[in-house]
Amino acid sequence: MKSIVKKIAFVSRQYSAVKEQVIVPSDEELMQQFINGSRVAYELIVQRYKNRMFKFIYFQIKQHTEDAEDLCQEVFYQLYKNPLNFRHESKFSTYLYSIAKNIVLNYFRTNARQGIKYELQENEDIIDADCLHKRVNNENNQHLFTIALNSLSFDERQIIFLCDKEGFSYSQISQILNINIGTVRSRLNSARNKMINKLREYHYEVQ
């Protein structure tokens, strides 16, 4: 009898544990729910990605906070306006970053036509986006790191972020940026070498 009671108690605990587990939908499942009309699903996507998307944009446009916030809002507006453009042909994250990439590209094209040049904002926070940043251990060297980072081209900053901060595979980066994998490798290697050389100009030794 005691054995049966113990078994019943064990099964009950297992049932309770399973019942308490929260099922977290994937990005793709949320997107399908949104396509089917769920506003809640859309809001969950925004919550899941808004900080990552802001950092991705902020990193590319040389730490201009207000512009980054506006462009981030535009990404989610485009997602909201055209949900059917996501056809499950790639991971949702790849698709969303592709939207952001195009919006940032249009931002630079518009500014170029207007003759606007953006420089490093000295008082903005520093984003530790590159794995090289792990070797930078005080405020002065962090500042040098930021100067080195901002010496890179838009394309180079973009690929540094996607690889070293977001951890996307070369294949995913290839899809996001619409370039081949060989170009991903060469552009990433070039960006890292430029940063190292720029840091060495300031007599900061990169191991």
C-alpha atoms as a PDB file:
ATOM      1  CA  MET A   1       0.000   0.000   0.000  1.00  0.00           C
ATOM      2  CA  LYS A   2       2.806   2.417   0.905  1.00  0.00           C
ATOM      3  CA  SER A   3       4.474   1.604  -2.404  1.00  0.00           C
ATOM      4  CA  ILE A   4       1.331   2.539  -4.323  1.00  0.00           C
ATOM      5  CA  VAL A   5       0.962   5.772  -2.344  1.00  0.00           C
ATOM      6  CA  LYS A   6       4.561   6.705  -3.127  1.00  0.00           C
ATOM      7  CA  LYS A   7       4.027   6.025  -6.813  1.00  0.00           C
ATOM      8  CA  ILE A   8       0.882   8.160  -6.853  1.00  0.00           C
ATOM      9  CA  ALA A   9       2.722  10.970  -5.055  1.00  0.00           C
ATOM     10  CA  PHE A  10       5.619  10.740  -7.539  1.00  0.00           C
ATOM     11  CA  VAL A  11       3.298  10.850 -10.544  1.00  0.00           C
ATOM     12  CA  SER A  12       1.472  13.807  -9.000  1.00  0.00           C
ATOM     13  CA  ARG A  13       4.707  15.744  -8.538  1.00  0.00           C
ATOM     14  CA  GLN A  14       5.757  14.990 -12.105  1.00  0.00           C
ATOM     15  CA  TYR A  15       2.381  16.165 -13.407  1.00  0.00           C
ATOM     16  CA  SER A  16       2.615  19.380 -11.400  1.00  0.00           C
ATOM     17  CA  ALA A  17       6.134  20.045 -12.688  1.00  0.00           C
ATOM     18  CA  VAL A  18       5.033  19.559 -16.293  1.00  0.00           C
ATOM     19  CA  LYS A  19       1.984  21.739 -15.732  1.00  0.00           C
ATOM     20  CA  GLU A  20       4.136  24.541 -14.357  1.00  0.00           C
ATOM     21  CA  GLN A  21       6.518  24.534 -17.305  1.00  0.00           C
ATOM     22  CA  VAL A  22       6.103  27.555 -19.530  1.00  0.00           C
ATOM     23  CA  ILE A  23       6.060  26.752 -23.205  1.00  0.00           C
ATOM     24  CA  VAL A  24       8.076  29.438 -24.978  1.00  0.00           C
ATOM     25  CA  PRO A  25       7.081  29.778 -28.636  1.00  0.00           C
ATOM     26  CA  SER A  26       9.820  30.117 -31.212  1.00  0.00           C
ATOM     27  CA  ASP A  27      10.263  33.295 -33.233  1.00  0.00           C
ATOM     28  CA  GLU A  28       8.787  31.555 -36.241  1.00  0.00           C
ATOM     29  CA  GLU A  29       5.741  30.390 -34.266  1.00  0.00           C
ATOM     30  CA  LEU A  30       5.148  33.899 -32.949  1.00  0.00           C
ATOM     31  CA  MET A  31       5.438  35.303 -36.440  1.00  0.00           C
ATOM     32  CA  GLN A  32       2.897  32.825 -37.754  1.00  0.00           C
ATOM     33  CA  GLN A  33       0.541  33.759 -34.924  1.00  0.00           C
ATOM     34  CA  PHE A  34       0.997  37.411 -35.833  1.00  0.00           C
ATOM     35  CA  ILE A  35       0.269  36.661 -39.499  1.00  0.00           C
ATOM     36  CA  ASN A  36      -2.883  34.928 -38.294  1.00  0.00           C
ATOM     37  CA  GLY A  37      -3.948  38.104 -36.504  1.00  0.00           C
ATOM     38  CA  SER A  38      -2.402  37.970 -33.019  1.00  0.00           C
ATOM     39  CA  ARG A  39      -1.323  41.429 -31.853  1.00  0.00           C
ATOM     40  CA  VAL A  40       0.059  39.842 -28.675  1.00  0.00           C
ATOM     41  CA  ALA A  41       2.444  37.728 -30.752  1.00  0.00           C
ATOM     42  CA  TYR A  42       3.733  40.856 -32.484  1.00  0.00           C
ATOM     43  CA  GLU A  43       4.305  42.589 -29.146  1.00  0.00           C
ATOM     44  CA  LEU A  44       6.214  39.549 -27.870  1.00  0.00           C
ATOM     45  CA  ILE A  45       8.458  39.683 -30.933  1.00  0.00           C
ATOM     46  CA  VAL A  46       9.147  43.364 -30.297  1.00  0.00           C
ATOM     47  CA  GLN A  47       9.978  42.694 -26.651  1.00  0.00           C
ATOM     48  CA  ARG A  48      12.252  39.831 -27.645  1.00  0.00           C
ATOM     49  CA  TYR A  49      14.211  41.820 -30.222  1.00  0.00           C
ATOM     50  CA  LYS A  50      13.989  45.523 -29.472  1.00  0.00           C
ATOM     51  CA  ASN A  51      17.221  45.764 -27.446  1.00  0.00           C
ATOM     52  CA  ARG A  52      19.202  43.634 -29.873  1.00  0.00           C
ATOM     53  CA  MET A  53      17.895  45.587 -32.836  1.00  0.00           C
ATOM     54  CA  PHE A  54      18.709  48.929 -31.222  1.00  0.00           C
ATOM     55  CA  LYS A  55      22.292  47.844 -30.490  1.00  0.00           C
ATOM     56  CA  PHE A  56      22.754  46.544 -34.040  1.00  0.00           C
ATOM     57  CA  ILE A  57      21.675  49.885 -35.504  1.00  0.00           C
ATOM     58  CA  TYR A  58      23.404  52.029 -32.874  1.00  0.00           C
ATOM     59  CA  PHE A  59      26.652  50.196 -33.500  1.00  0.00           C
ATOM     60  CA  GLN A  60      26.546  50.898 -37.232  1.00  0.00           C
ATOM     61  CA  ILE A  61      25.708  54.595 -37.126  1.00  0.00           C
ATOM     62  CA  LYS A  62      28.494  55.564 -34.733  1.00  0.00           C
ATOM     63  CA  GLN A  63      26.536  55.796 -31.499  1.00  0.00           C
ATOM     64  CA  HIS A  64      23.874  58.345 -32.462  1.00  0.00           C
ATOM     65  CA  THR A  65      21.168  57.398 -29.991  1.00  0.00           C
ATOM     66  CA  GLU A  66      18.164  59.345 -31.300  1.00  0.00           C
ATOM     67  CA  ASP A  67      18.672  58.225 -34.886  1.00  0.00           C
ATOM     68  CA  ALA A  68      19.164  54.636 -33.745  1.00  0.00           C
ATOM     69  CA  GLU A  69      15.890  54.758 -31.797  1.00  0.00           C
ATOM     70  CA  ASP A  70      14.028  56.108 -34.828  1.00  0.00           C
ATOM     71  CA  LEU A  71      15.481  53.479 -37.146  1.00  0.00           C
ATOM     72  CA  CYS A  72      14.717  50.729 -34.647  1.00  0.00           C
ATOM     73  CA  GLN A  73      11.078  51.813 -34.601  1.00  0.00           C
ATOM     74  CA  GLU A  74      11.089  51.766 -38.392  1.00  0.00           C
ATOM     75  CA  VAL A  75      12.259  48.122 -38.391  1.00  0.00           C
ATOM     76  CA  PHE A  76       9.291  47.014 -36.311  1.00  0.00           C
ATOM     77  CA  TYR A  77       6.923  49.232 -38.270  1.00  0.00           C
ATOM     78  CA  GLN A  78       8.028  47.499 -41.476  1.00  0.00           C
ATOM     79  CA  LEU A  79       7.553  44.132 -39.804  1.00  0.00           C
ATOM     80  CA  TYR A  80       4.061  45.129 -38.677  1.00  0.00           C
ATOM     81  CA  LYS A  81       3.077  46.568 -42.050  1.00  0.00           C
ATOM     82  CA  ASN A  82       4.313  43.637 -44.157  1.00  0.00           C
ATOM     83  CA  PRO A  83       4.074  40.427 -42.099  1.00  0.00           C
ATOM     84  CA  LEU A  84       3.485  38.255 -45.163  1.00  0.00           C
ATOM     85  CA  ASN A  85       6.960  39.120 -46.447  1.00  0.00           C
ATOM     86  CA  PHE A  86       8.259  36.554 -43.977  1.00  0.00           C
ATOM     87  CA  ARG A  87       7.884  33.251 -45.825  1.00  0.00           C
ATOM     88  CA  HIS A  88       9.767  30.932 -43.454  1.00  0.00           C
ATOM     89  CA  GLU A  89      12.565  30.587 -46.022  1.00  0.00           C
ATOM     90  CA  SER A  90      15.131  31.455 -43.343  1.00  0.00           C
ATOM     91  CA  LYS A  91      15.252  31.890 -39.584  1.00  0.00           C
ATOM     92  CA  PHE A  92      13.167  34.808 -38.370  1.00  0.00           C
ATOM     93  CA  SER A  93      16.217  36.503 -36.821  1.00  0.00           C
ATOM     94  CA  THR A  94      17.946  36.437 -40.211  1.00  0.00           C
ATOM     95  CA  TYR A  95      14.873  37.986 -41.815  1.00  0.00           C
ATOM     96  CA  LEU A  96      14.544  40.733 -39.190  1.00  0.00           C
ATOM     97  CA  TYR A  97      18.203  41.702 -39.377  1.00  0.00           C
ATOM     98  CA  SER A  98      17.854  41.882 -43.159  1.00  0.00           C
ATOM     99  CA  ILE A  99      15.100  44.458 -42.698  1.00  0.00           C
ATOM    100  CA  ALA A 100      17.316  46.442 -40.321  1.00  0.00           C
ATOM    101  CA  LYS A 101      20.266  46.243 -42.698  1.00  0.00           C
ATOM    102  CA  ASN A 102      18.213  47.748 -45.533  1.00  0.00           C
ATOM    103  CA  ILE A 103      16.829  50.516 -43.314  1.00  0.00           C
ATOM    104  CA  VAL A 104      20.317  51.498 -42.150  1.00  0.00           C
ATOM    105  CA  LEU A 105      21.572  51.411 -45.724  1.00  0.00           C
ATOM    106  CA  ASN A 106      18.790  53.780 -46.803  1.00  0.00           C
ATOM    107  CA  TYR A 107      19.670  56.027 -43.846  1.00  0.00           C
ATOM    108  CA  PHE A 108      23.259  56.367 -45.065  1.00  0.00           C
ATOM    109  CA  ARG A 109      22.191  56.926 -48.655  1.00  0.00           C
ATOM    110  CA  THR A 110      19.817  59.697 -47.590  1.00  0.00           C
ATOM    111  CA  ASN A 111      22.480  61.384 -45.469  1.00  0.00           C
ATOM    112  CA  ALA A 112      25.015  61.095 -48.281  1.00  0.00           C
ATOM    113  CA  ARG A 113      22.620  62.879 -50.662  1.00  0.00           C
ATOM    114  CA  GLN A 114      22.140  65.607 -48.073  1.00  0.00           C
ATOM    115  CA  GLY A 115      25.872  65.918 -47.441  1.00  0.00           C
ATOM    116  CA  ILE A 116      25.567  64.885 -43.786  1.00  0.00           C
ATOM    117  CA  LYS A 117      28.571  63.249 -42.152  1.00  0.00           C
ATOM    118  CA  TYR A 118      28.292  61.610 -38.754  1.00  0.00           C
ATOM    119  CA  GLU A 119      31.264  61.433 -36.431  1.00  0.00           C
ATOM    120  CA  LEU A 120      31.834  59.632 -33.167  1.00  0.00           C
ATOM    121  CA  GLN A 121      29.751  60.978 -30.295  1.00  0.00           C
ATOM    122  CA  GLU A 122      32.238  61.355 -27.464  1.00  0.00           C
ATOM    123  CA  ASN A 123      29.717  61.239 -24.637  1.00  0.00           C
ATOM    124  CA  GLU A 124      27.842  58.152 -25.748  1.00  0.00           C
ATOM    125  CA  ASP A 125      28.145  54.756 -24.113  1.00  0.00           C
ATOM    126  CA  ILE A 126      30.608  52.256 -25.502  1.00  0.00           C
ATOM    127  CA  ILE A 127      29.244  49.002 -26.858  1.00  0.00           C
ATOM    128  CA  ASP A 128      31.455  45.958 -26.324  1.00  0.00           C
ATOM    129  CA  ALA A 129      30.564  44.443 -29.639  1.00  0.00           C
ATOM    130  CA  ASP A 130      33.850  42.954 -30.806  1.00  0.00           C
ATOM    131  CA  CYS A 131      35.625  40.042 -29.149  1.00  0.00           C
ATOM    132  CA  LEU A 132      38.728  42.250 -29.185  1.00  0.00           C
ATOM    133  CA  HIS A 133      37.025  44.377 -26.575  1.00  0.00           C
ATOM    134  CA  LYS A 134      37.643  41.660 -23.988  1.00  0.00           C
ATOM    135  CA  ARG A 135      41.282  42.732 -24.072  1.00  0.00           C
ATOM    136  CA  VAL A 136      40.459  46.342 -23.277  1.00  0.00           C
ATOM    137  CA  ASN A 137      40.552  46.760 -19.506  1.00  0.00           C
ATOM    138  CA  ASN A 138      40.248  50.416 -18.570  1.00  0.00           C
ATOM    139  CA  GLU A 139      38.296  53.502 -19.600  1.00  0.00           C
ATOM    140  CA  ASN A 140      41.115  55.064 -21.604  1.00  0.00           C
ATOM    141  CA  ASN A 141      41.658  51.910 -23.626  1.00  0.00           C
ATOM    142  CA  GLN A 142      37.909  51.512 -24.105  1.00  0.00           C
ATOM    143  CA  HIS A 143      37.924  54.995 -25.615  1.00  0.00           C
ATOM    144  CA  LEU A 144      40.728  53.962 -27.968  1.00  0.00           C
ATOM    145  CA  PHE A 145      38.720  50.894 -28.875  1.00  0.00           C
ATOM    146  CA  THR A 146      35.735  53.050 -29.781  1.00  0.00           C
ATOM    147  CA  ILE A 147      37.908  55.324 -31.936  1.00  0.00           C
ATOM    148  CA  ALA A 148      39.315  52.247 -33.704  1.00  0.00           C
ATOM    149  CA  LEU A 149      35.815  50.886 -34.195  1.00  0.00           C
ATOM    150  CA  ASN A 150      34.546  54.102 -35.676  1.00  0.00           C
ATOM    151  CA  SER A 151      37.455  54.235 -38.105  1.00  0.00           C
ATOM    152  CA  LEU A 152      35.883  51.245 -39.850  1.00  0.00           C
ATOM    153  CA  SER A 153      33.498  51.571 -42.760  1.00  0.00           C
ATOM    154  CA  PHE A 154      29.782  50.971 -42.367  1.00  0.00           C
ATOM    155  CA  ASP A 155      30.119  47.514 -43.940  1.00  0.00           C
ATOM    156  CA  GLU A 156      32.979  46.572 -41.622  1.00  0.00           C
ATOM    157  CA  ARG A 157      31.197  47.699 -38.433  1.00  0.00           C
ATOM    158  CA  GLN A 158      28.124  45.832 -39.556  1.00  0.00           C
ATOM    159  CA  ILE A 159      29.886  42.532 -40.079  1.00  0.00           C
ATOM    160  CA  ILE A 160      31.871  42.832 -36.826  1.00  0.00           C
ATOM    161  CA  PHE A 161      28.603  43.187 -34.924  1.00  0.00           C
ATOM    162  CA  LEU A 162      26.796  40.319 -36.631  1.00  0.00           C
ATOM    163  CA  CYS A 163      29.659  37.904 -36.084  1.00  0.00           C
ATOM    164  CA  ASP A 164      31.250  38.911 -32.778  1.00  0.00           C
ATOM    165  CA  LYS A 165      28.272  40.336 -30.909  1.00  0.00           C
ATOM    166  CA  GLU A 166      25.297  38.415 -32.255  1.00  0.00           C
ATOM    167  CA  GLY A 167      27.174  35.214 -33.032  1.00  0.00           C
ATOM    168  CA  PHE A 168      25.547  34.648 -36.417  1.00  0.00           C
ATOM    169  CA  SER A 169      27.110  31.974 -38.591  1.00  0.00           C
ATOM    170  CA  TYR A 170      28.832  32.931 -41.833  1.00  0.00           C
ATOM    171  CA  SER A 171      25.860  31.441 -43.679  1.00  0.00           C
ATOM    172  CA  GLN A 172      23.361  33.607 -41.770  1.00  0.00           C
ATOM    173  CA  ILE A 173      25.477  36.735 -42.272  1.00  0.00           C
ATOM    174  CA  SER A 174      25.639  35.887 -45.964  1.00  0.00           C
ATOM    175  CA  GLN A 175      21.828  35.859 -46.088  1.00  0.00           C
ATOM    176  CA  ILE A 176      21.408  39.029 -44.024  1.00  0.00           C
ATOM    177  CA  LEU A 177      23.879  41.070 -46.052  1.00  0.00           C
ATOM    178  CA  ASN A 178      23.153  39.364 -49.383  1.00  0.00           C
ATOM    179  CA  ILE A 179      26.816  38.579 -50.029  1.00  0.00           C
ATOM    180  CA  ASN A 180      28.599  35.277 -50.509  1.00  0.00           C
ATOM    181  CA  ILE A 181      30.337  33.460 -47.654  1.00  0.00           C
ATOM    182  CA  GLY A 182      33.790  34.161 -49.083  1.00  0.00           C
ATOM    183  CA  THR A 183      33.061  37.887 -48.915  1.00  0.00           C
ATOM    184  CA  VAL A 184      31.865  37.484 -45.321  1.00  0.00           C
ATOM    185  CA  ARG A 185      35.187  35.889 -44.347  1.00  0.00           C
ATOM    186  CA  SER A 186      37.368  38.408 -46.137  1.00  0.00           C
ATOM    187  CA  ARG A 187      35.399  41.438 -44.914  1.00  0.00           C
ATOM    188  CA  LEU A 188      35.461  40.206 -41.322  1.00  0.00           C
ATOM    189  CA  ASN A 189      39.194  39.496 -41.436  1.00  0.00           C
ATOM    190  CA  SER A 190      39.876  42.914 -42.948  1.00  0.00           C
ATOM    191  CA  ALA A 191      37.766  44.674 -40.295  1.00  0.00           C
ATOM    192  CA  ARG A 192      39.519  42.912 -37.421  1.00  0.00           C
ATOM    193  CA  ASN A 193      42.979  43.658 -38.830  1.00  0.00           C
ATOM    194  CA  LYS A 194      42.115  47.333 -39.313  1.00  0.00           C
ATOM    195  CA  MET A 195      40.987  47.596 -35.699  1.00  0.00           C
ATOM    196  CA  ILE A 196      44.161  45.930 -34.449  1.00  0.00           C
ATOM    197  CA  ASN A 197      46.342  48.239 -36.546  1.00  0.00           C
ATOM    198  CA  LYS A 198      44.437  51.312 -35.379  1.00  0.00           C
ATOM    199  CA  LEU A 199      44.852  50.287 -31.734  1.00  0.00           C
ATOM    200  CA  ARG A 200      48.567  49.787 -32.288  1.00  0.00           C
ATOM    201  CA  GLU A 201      48.797  53.317 -33.663  1.00  0.00           C
ATOM    202  CA  TYR A 202      47.844  54.427 -30.167  1.00  0.00           C
ATOM    203  CA  HIS A 203      50.497  52.116 -28.719  1.00  0.00           C
ATOM    204  CA  TYR A 204      47.895  49.722 -27.380  1.00  0.00           C
ATOM    205  CA  GLU A 205      49.308  46.220 -27.694  1.00  0.00           C
ATOM    206  CA  VAL A 206      46.769  43.638 -28.837  1.00  0.00           C
ATOM    207  CA  GLN A 207      47.868  40.152 -27.837  1.00  0.00           C
END
